[in-house]
């Protein structure tokens, strides 16, 4: 069975299977959702600004063992679209 990986995808399972060239982030407030996103996003200015805000709020201590982005899912999808 082939799995087509879209540009950004929401992952409901907690498995750590992430395709090569992608990484996962948690997005949201209390109810966090896990997204798998391409590593290429790291070079995008809007995504870098978002990561700077994450650093200000969380530092480098990520409670869920992954980068947590404290914004709504809609805002995150808007930035990464």
C-alpha atoms as a PDB file:
ATOM      1  CA  UNK A   1       0.000   0.000   0.000  1.00  0.00           C
ATOM      2  CA  UNK A   2       1.510   3.346  -1.016  1.00  0.00           C
ATOM      3  CA  UNK A   3       1.125   6.419   1.140  1.00  0.00           C
ATOM      4  CA  UNK A   4       1.129   9.784  -0.562  1.00  0.00           C
ATOM      5  CA  UNK A   5       2.650  12.453   1.689  1.00  0.00           C
ATOM      6  CA  UNK A   6       1.108  15.867   1.094  1.00  0.00           C
ATOM      7  CA  UNK A   7       3.047  19.068   1.650  1.00  0.00           C
ATOM      8  CA  UNK A   8       1.753  19.244   5.216  1.00  0.00           C
ATOM      9  CA  UNK A   9      -0.275  16.631   6.964  1.00  0.00           C
ATOM     10  CA  UNK A  10      -1.975  16.230  10.275  1.00  0.00           C
ATOM     11  CA  UNK A  11      -0.978  13.017  11.969  1.00  0.00           C
ATOM     12  CA  UNK A  12      -3.342  11.547  14.523  1.00  0.00           C
ATOM     13  CA  UNK A  13      -1.242   8.591  15.630  1.00  0.00           C
ATOM     14  CA  UNK A  14       1.731   9.067  17.896  1.00  0.00           C
ATOM     15  CA  UNK A  15       4.048   6.843  15.901  1.00  0.00           C
ATOM     16  CA  UNK A  16       7.403   8.394  15.229  1.00  0.00           C
ATOM     17  CA  UNK A  17       7.458   7.310  11.588  1.00  0.00           C
ATOM     18  CA  UNK A  18       8.313  10.510   9.780  1.00  0.00           C
ATOM     19  CA  UNK A  19       9.315  10.428   6.101  1.00  0.00           C
ATOM     20  CA  UNK A  20      12.827  11.502   5.184  1.00  0.00           C
ATOM     21  CA  UNK A  21      12.972  15.269   4.671  1.00  0.00           C
ATOM     22  CA  UNK A  22      10.127  15.955   7.122  1.00  0.00           C
ATOM     23  CA  UNK A  23       9.773  16.601  10.854  1.00  0.00           C
ATOM     24  CA  UNK A  24       6.859  16.888  13.224  1.00  0.00           C
ATOM     25  CA  UNK A  25       5.525  19.735  15.343  1.00  0.00           C
ATOM     26  CA  UNK A  26       2.675  20.023  17.811  1.00  0.00           C
ATOM     27  CA  UNK A  27       0.267  22.896  17.178  1.00  0.00           C
ATOM     28  CA  UNK A  28      -2.354  24.411  19.445  1.00  0.00           C
ATOM     29  CA  UNK A  29      -3.173  25.329  23.014  1.00  0.00           C
ATOM     30  CA  UNK A  30      -4.489  22.655  25.352  1.00  0.00           C
ATOM     31  CA  UNK A  31      -5.616  20.365  22.536  1.00  0.00           C
ATOM     32  CA  UNK A  32      -2.409  19.942  20.500  1.00  0.00           C
ATOM     33  CA  UNK A  33      -2.386  18.344  17.063  1.00  0.00           C
ATOM     34  CA  UNK A  34       0.652  16.782  15.463  1.00  0.00           C
ATOM     35  CA  UNK A  35       1.681  17.882  11.959  1.00  0.00           C
ATOM     36  CA  UNK A  36       4.391  16.480   9.726  1.00  0.00           C
ATOM     37  CA  UNK A  37       6.016  19.249   7.710  1.00  0.00           C
ATOM     38  CA  UNK A  38       8.887  19.442   5.225  1.00  0.00           C
ATOM     39  CA  UNK A  39      12.332  20.453   6.476  1.00  0.00           C
ATOM     40  CA  UNK A  40      12.341  23.075   3.691  1.00  0.00           C
ATOM     41  CA  UNK A  41       9.962  25.164   5.852  1.00  0.00           C
ATOM     42  CA  UNK A  42      12.931  25.966   8.086  1.00  0.00           C
ATOM     43  CA  UNK A  43      14.247  28.361   5.437  1.00  0.00           C
ATOM     44  CA  UNK A  44      10.943  30.271   5.070  1.00  0.00           C
ATOM     45  CA  UNK A  45      10.937  33.708   6.811  1.00  0.00           C
ATOM     46  CA  UNK A  46       7.347  33.357   8.100  1.00  0.00           C
ATOM     47  CA  UNK A  47       8.131  29.971   9.641  1.00  0.00           C
ATOM     48  CA  UNK A  48      11.370  31.313  11.158  1.00  0.00           C
ATOM     49  CA  UNK A  49       9.381  34.143  12.786  1.00  0.00           C
ATOM     50  CA  UNK A  50       6.968  31.589  14.192  1.00  0.00           C
ATOM     51  CA  UNK A  51       9.866  29.564  15.627  1.00  0.00           C
ATOM     52  CA  UNK A  52      11.285  32.720  17.261  1.00  0.00           C
ATOM     53  CA  UNK A  53       7.944  33.215  19.016  1.00  0.00           C
ATOM     54  CA  UNK A  54       8.036  29.569  20.129  1.00  0.00           C
ATOM     55  CA  UNK A  55      11.522  30.070  21.551  1.00  0.00           C
ATOM     56  CA  UNK A  56      10.352  33.128  23.510  1.00  0.00           C
ATOM     57  CA  UNK A  57       7.445  31.194  25.040  1.00  0.00           C
ATOM     58  CA  UNK A  58       9.009  27.765  25.599  1.00  0.00           C
ATOM     59  CA  UNK A  59      12.761  28.254  25.309  1.00  0.00           C
ATOM     60  CA  UNK A  60      14.287  24.959  24.309  1.00  0.00           C
ATOM     61  CA  UNK A  61      12.300  22.843  26.770  1.00  0.00           C
ATOM     62  CA  UNK A  62       9.661  21.016  24.746  1.00  0.00           C
ATOM     63  CA  UNK A  63       7.292  19.147  27.064  1.00  0.00           C
ATOM     64  CA  UNK A  64       6.021  16.773  24.348  1.00  0.00           C
ATOM     65  CA  UNK A  65       9.485  15.824  23.007  1.00  0.00           C
ATOM     66  CA  UNK A  66       8.776  17.758  19.832  1.00  0.00           C
ATOM     67  CA  UNK A  67       8.570  21.402  18.843  1.00  0.00           C
ATOM     68  CA  UNK A  68       5.343  22.879  20.231  1.00  0.00           C
ATOM     69  CA  UNK A  69       3.879  25.853  18.361  1.00  0.00           C
ATOM     70  CA  UNK A  70       1.388  27.731  20.567  1.00  0.00           C
ATOM     71  CA  UNK A  71      -0.960  29.076  17.920  1.00  0.00           C
ATOM     72  CA  UNK A  72      -4.279  27.939  16.536  1.00  0.00           C
ATOM     73  CA  UNK A  73      -4.367  25.302  13.849  1.00  0.00           C
ATOM     74  CA  UNK A  74      -5.876  27.827  11.394  1.00  0.00           C
ATOM     75  CA  UNK A  75      -3.033  30.314  11.897  1.00  0.00           C
ATOM     76  CA  UNK A  76      -0.420  27.568  11.503  1.00  0.00           C
ATOM     77  CA  UNK A  77      -1.974  26.315   8.291  1.00  0.00           C
ATOM     78  CA  UNK A  78      -2.172  29.910   6.997  1.00  0.00           C
ATOM     79  CA  UNK A  79       1.526  30.470   7.677  1.00  0.00           C
ATOM     80  CA  UNK A  80       2.596  27.179   6.140  1.00  0.00           C
ATOM     81  CA  UNK A  81       0.377  27.450   3.041  1.00  0.00           C
END
